């Protein structure tokens, strides 16, 4: 997964957005709270992922929406071992 890209995946029936920001992989809930858009199909802009449906932006490190930090998506711990990306899901 090259830097600047996102990917939608599922683990244990949980939708996860994987985002590569500068070579570091971050994992967030894949469902945008606004209208359920798939964040893993979004666009990376700095430390943020932008929902492809309506442009809501979230910090990949905190899950906070840039325009209103009271709105958040869940973030998950990530471990990379070789080519394998492991995500700690609840």
N, C-alpha and C. Protein backbone atom coordinates (compact mmCIF):
# COMPACT_ATOMS: atom_id res chain seq x y z
N UNK A 1 0.85 -1.18 0.00
CA UNK A 1 0.00 0.00 0.00
C UNK A 1 0.90 1.24 0.00
N UNK A 2 1.00 1.91 -1.12
CA UNK A 2 1.90 3.07 -1.24
C UNK A 2 1.43 4.27 -0.41
N UNK A 3 2.36 5.13 -0.01
CA UNK A 3 1.98 6.36 0.69
C UNK A 3 0.98 7.17 -0.13
N UNK A 4 0.03 7.79 0.59
CA UNK A 4 -0.98 8.62 -0.05
C UNK A 4 -2.20 7.86 -0.50
N UNK A 5 -2.27 6.56 -0.18
CA UNK A 5 -3.43 5.77 -0.59
C UNK A 5 -4.23 5.27 0.60
N UNK A 6 -5.51 4.96 0.33
CA UNK A 6 -6.43 4.38 1.30
C UNK A 6 -6.94 3.06 0.76
N UNK A 7 -7.46 2.25 1.68
CA UNK A 7 -7.99 0.96 1.29
C UNK A 7 -9.10 0.58 2.27
N UNK A 8 -10.21 0.08 1.76
CA UNK A 8 -11.30 -0.44 2.59
C UNK A 8 -11.10 -1.94 2.78
N UNK A 9 -11.11 -2.39 4.05
CA UNK A 9 -10.99 -3.81 4.36
C UNK A 9 -11.98 -4.15 5.46
N UNK A 10 -12.15 -5.46 5.70
CA UNK A 10 -12.99 -5.91 6.81
C UNK A 10 -12.19 -6.87 7.66
N UNK A 11 -12.36 -6.76 8.97
CA UNK A 11 -11.74 -7.68 9.93
C UNK A 11 -12.77 -7.96 11.01
N UNK A 12 -13.08 -9.23 11.18
CA UNK A 12 -14.07 -9.64 12.19
C UNK A 12 -15.37 -8.87 12.04
N UNK A 13 -15.84 -8.73 10.79
CA UNK A 13 -17.09 -8.03 10.45
C UNK A 13 -17.09 -6.54 10.77
N UNK A 14 -15.90 -5.96 10.90
CA UNK A 14 -15.78 -4.52 11.14
C UNK A 14 -15.14 -3.89 9.92
N UNK A 15 -15.78 -2.86 9.36
CA UNK A 15 -15.21 -2.15 8.22
C UNK A 15 -14.11 -1.22 8.68
N UNK A 16 -12.95 -1.33 8.04
CA UNK A 16 -11.77 -0.56 8.44
C UNK A 16 -11.22 0.18 7.23
N UNK A 17 -10.87 1.44 7.45
CA UNK A 17 -10.18 2.22 6.43
C UNK A 17 -8.70 2.23 6.80
N UNK A 18 -7.88 1.70 5.91
CA UNK A 18 -6.43 1.77 6.09
C UNK A 18 -5.92 2.95 5.28
N UNK A 19 -5.10 3.78 5.91
CA UNK A 19 -4.57 4.96 5.25
C UNK A 19 -3.06 5.01 5.43
N UNK A 20 -2.33 5.19 4.33
CA UNK A 20 -0.89 5.30 4.38
C UNK A 20 -0.52 6.77 4.27
N UNK A 21 -0.04 7.32 5.38
CA UNK A 21 0.37 8.73 5.42
C UNK A 21 1.88 8.76 5.64
N UNK A 22 2.60 9.11 4.60
CA UNK A 22 4.05 9.23 4.71
C UNK A 22 4.74 7.93 5.07
N UNK A 23 4.17 6.80 4.71
CA UNK A 23 4.77 5.51 5.01
C UNK A 23 4.28 4.88 6.29
N UNK A 24 3.46 5.57 7.06
CA UNK A 24 2.87 5.02 8.28
C UNK A 24 1.43 4.66 8.00
N UNK A 25 1.04 3.44 8.41
CA UNK A 25 -0.32 2.97 8.19
C UNK A 25 -1.19 3.30 9.40
N UNK A 26 -2.34 3.88 9.14
CA UNK A 26 -3.32 4.19 10.18
C UNK A 26 -4.61 3.45 9.85
N UNK A 27 -5.37 3.10 10.90
CA UNK A 27 -6.63 2.39 10.70
C UNK A 27 -7.74 3.13 11.42
N UNK A 28 -8.84 3.35 10.71
CA UNK A 28 -10.01 4.04 11.27
C UNK A 28 -11.26 3.25 10.91
N UNK A 29 -12.34 3.56 11.61
CA UNK A 29 -13.64 3.04 11.23
C UNK A 29 -13.90 3.48 9.79
N UNK A 30 -14.35 2.57 8.96
CA UNK A 30 -14.53 2.87 7.54
C UNK A 30 -15.79 3.66 7.23
N UNK A 31 -16.66 3.86 8.21
CA UNK A 31 -17.96 4.49 7.98
C UNK A 31 -17.98 5.95 8.44
N UNK A 32 -18.11 6.86 7.49
CA UNK A 32 -18.21 8.28 7.82
C UNK A 32 -19.53 8.53 8.55
N UNK A 33 -19.50 9.21 9.72
CA UNK A 33 -20.73 9.45 10.47
C UNK A 33 -21.76 10.31 9.73
N UNK A 34 -21.34 11.05 8.73
CA UNK A 34 -22.26 11.94 8.03
C UNK A 34 -23.32 11.17 7.26
N UNK A 35 -22.87 10.28 6.35
CA UNK A 35 -23.85 9.57 5.53
C UNK A 35 -23.39 8.14 5.24
N UNK A 36 -22.42 7.65 6.01
CA UNK A 36 -21.98 6.27 5.84
C UNK A 36 -21.00 6.04 4.72
N UNK A 37 -20.39 7.10 4.22
CA UNK A 37 -19.43 6.96 3.12
C UNK A 37 -18.22 6.13 3.53
N UNK A 38 -17.61 5.42 2.58
CA UNK A 38 -16.47 4.56 2.87
C UNK A 38 -15.16 5.35 2.91
N UNK A 39 -14.65 5.63 4.09
CA UNK A 39 -13.44 6.42 4.23
C UNK A 39 -12.25 5.76 3.53
N UNK A 40 -12.24 4.43 3.47
CA UNK A 40 -11.15 3.72 2.81
C UNK A 40 -11.10 3.93 1.31
N UNK A 41 -12.13 4.55 0.75
CA UNK A 41 -12.14 4.91 -0.66
C UNK A 41 -11.90 6.40 -0.83
N UNK A 42 -11.49 7.05 0.28
CA UNK A 42 -11.30 8.50 0.27
C UNK A 42 -9.94 8.92 -0.22
N UNK A 43 -9.60 10.16 0.09
CA UNK A 43 -8.39 10.80 -0.41
C UNK A 43 -7.55 11.28 0.76
N UNK A 44 -6.24 11.10 0.67
CA UNK A 44 -5.33 11.56 1.71
C UNK A 44 -4.91 12.99 1.40
N UNK A 45 -4.96 13.84 2.41
CA UNK A 45 -4.50 15.22 2.30
C UNK A 45 -3.77 15.54 3.60
N UNK A 46 -2.45 15.49 3.59
CA UNK A 46 -1.68 15.66 4.81
C UNK A 46 -1.95 14.52 5.76
N UNK A 47 -2.35 14.84 7.00
CA UNK A 47 -2.68 13.84 8.02
C UNK A 47 -4.17 13.50 8.01
N UNK A 48 -4.87 13.84 6.95
CA UNK A 48 -6.32 13.66 6.92
C UNK A 48 -6.76 12.75 5.80
N UNK A 49 -7.90 12.08 6.05
CA UNK A 49 -8.57 11.34 4.99
C UNK A 49 -9.90 12.07 4.74
N UNK A 50 -10.20 12.25 3.46
CA UNK A 50 -11.43 12.93 3.07
C UNK A 50 -12.42 11.92 2.53
N UNK A 51 -13.63 11.94 3.07
CA UNK A 51 -14.68 11.03 2.63
C UNK A 51 -14.99 11.30 1.15
N UNK A 52 -15.06 10.24 0.34
CA UNK A 52 -15.31 10.45 -1.09
C UNK A 52 -16.73 10.90 -1.42
N UNK A 53 -17.67 10.75 -0.47
CA UNK A 53 -19.05 11.10 -0.77
C UNK A 53 -19.35 12.59 -0.60
N UNK A 54 -18.95 13.18 0.52
CA UNK A 54 -19.32 14.57 0.77
C UNK A 54 -18.18 15.44 1.30
N UNK A 55 -16.97 14.90 1.30
CA UNK A 55 -15.81 15.71 1.63
C UNK A 55 -15.52 15.93 3.11
N UNK A 56 -16.21 15.24 4.01
CA UNK A 56 -15.88 15.39 5.42
C UNK A 56 -14.47 14.86 5.64
N UNK A 57 -13.66 15.59 6.43
CA UNK A 57 -12.26 15.23 6.62
C UNK A 57 -11.99 14.84 8.08
N UNK A 58 -11.17 13.79 8.23
CA UNK A 58 -10.83 13.26 9.55
C UNK A 58 -9.32 13.11 9.68
N UNK A 59 -8.81 13.48 10.86
CA UNK A 59 -7.40 13.26 11.15
C UNK A 59 -7.19 11.77 11.33
N UNK A 60 -6.25 11.18 10.59
CA UNK A 60 -6.05 9.73 10.65
C UNK A 60 -5.45 9.29 11.98
N UNK A 61 -4.81 10.20 12.72
CA UNK A 61 -4.18 9.85 14.00
C UNK A 61 -5.16 9.88 15.16
N UNK A 62 -6.16 10.77 15.09
CA UNK A 62 -7.08 10.96 16.21
C UNK A 62 -8.52 10.56 15.88
N UNK A 63 -8.85 10.52 14.60
CA UNK A 63 -10.23 10.25 14.18
C UNK A 63 -11.13 11.46 14.22
N UNK A 64 -10.61 12.61 14.67
CA UNK A 64 -11.43 13.82 14.80
C UNK A 64 -11.70 14.46 13.44
N UNK A 65 -12.92 14.93 13.30
CA UNK A 65 -13.28 15.68 12.10
C UNK A 65 -12.63 17.05 12.19
N UNK A 66 -11.98 17.49 11.11
CA UNK A 66 -11.26 18.76 11.13
C UNK A 66 -12.16 19.94 11.42
N UNK A 67 -13.33 19.95 10.80
CA UNK A 67 -14.22 21.10 10.94
C UNK A 67 -15.00 21.10 12.25
N UNK A 68 -15.06 19.96 12.94
CA UNK A 68 -15.77 19.85 14.21
C UNK A 68 -15.20 18.67 14.99
N UNK A 69 -14.19 18.89 15.85
CA UNK A 69 -13.51 17.80 16.56
C UNK A 69 -14.41 16.99 17.50
N UNK A 70 -15.62 17.46 17.75
CA UNK A 70 -16.53 16.69 18.59
C UNK A 70 -17.08 15.46 17.84
N UNK A 71 -16.97 15.49 16.52
CA UNK A 71 -17.37 14.35 15.70
C UNK A 71 -16.11 13.54 15.41
N UNK A 72 -16.15 12.26 15.74
CA UNK A 72 -14.98 11.41 15.58
C UNK A 72 -15.36 10.05 14.99
N UNK A 73 -14.38 9.42 14.37
CA UNK A 73 -14.49 8.01 14.01
C UNK A 73 -13.47 7.26 14.87
N UNK A 74 -13.74 5.99 15.12
CA UNK A 74 -12.84 5.18 15.93
C UNK A 74 -11.53 4.96 15.19
N UNK A 75 -10.44 4.95 15.97
CA UNK A 75 -9.11 4.63 15.45
C UNK A 75 -8.67 3.31 16.08
N UNK A 76 -7.88 2.54 15.34
CA UNK A 76 -7.41 1.24 15.81
C UNK A 76 -5.89 1.18 15.71
N UNK A 77 -5.29 0.47 16.65
CA UNK A 77 -3.84 0.28 16.63
C UNK A 77 -3.45 -0.60 15.45
N UNK A 78 -2.31 -0.28 14.85
CA UNK A 78 -1.82 -1.00 13.67
C UNK A 78 -0.42 -1.53 13.97
N UNK A 79 -0.18 -2.77 13.51
CA UNK A 79 1.14 -3.38 13.59
C UNK A 79 1.48 -3.89 12.19
N UNK A 80 2.65 -3.50 11.69
CA UNK A 80 3.07 -3.96 10.37
C UNK A 80 4.24 -4.92 10.56
N UNK A 81 4.08 -6.12 10.02
CA UNK A 81 5.13 -7.14 10.07
C UNK A 81 5.38 -7.61 8.65
N UNK A 82 6.49 -7.15 8.07
CA UNK A 82 6.76 -7.46 6.68
C UNK A 82 5.71 -6.83 5.80
N UNK A 83 5.03 -7.65 5.00
CA UNK A 83 3.96 -7.15 4.14
C UNK A 83 2.58 -7.24 4.79
N UNK A 84 2.53 -7.77 6.01
CA UNK A 84 1.24 -7.98 6.69
C UNK A 84 0.89 -6.77 7.55
N UNK A 85 -0.35 -6.30 7.40
CA UNK A 85 -0.87 -5.21 8.23
C UNK A 85 -1.86 -5.83 9.20
N UNK A 86 -1.58 -5.69 10.49
CA UNK A 86 -2.46 -6.23 11.52
C UNK A 86 -3.10 -5.07 12.25
N UNK A 87 -4.41 -5.19 12.48
CA UNK A 87 -5.19 -4.14 13.12
C UNK A 87 -5.84 -4.71 14.37
N UNK A 88 -5.69 -4.00 15.50
CA UNK A 88 -6.36 -4.38 16.75
C UNK A 88 -7.78 -3.87 16.68
N UNK A 89 -8.76 -4.78 16.57
CA UNK A 89 -10.16 -4.38 16.53
C UNK A 89 -10.82 -4.71 17.85
N UNK A 90 -11.85 -3.94 18.23
CA UNK A 90 -12.52 -4.19 19.52
C UNK A 90 -13.29 -5.50 19.53
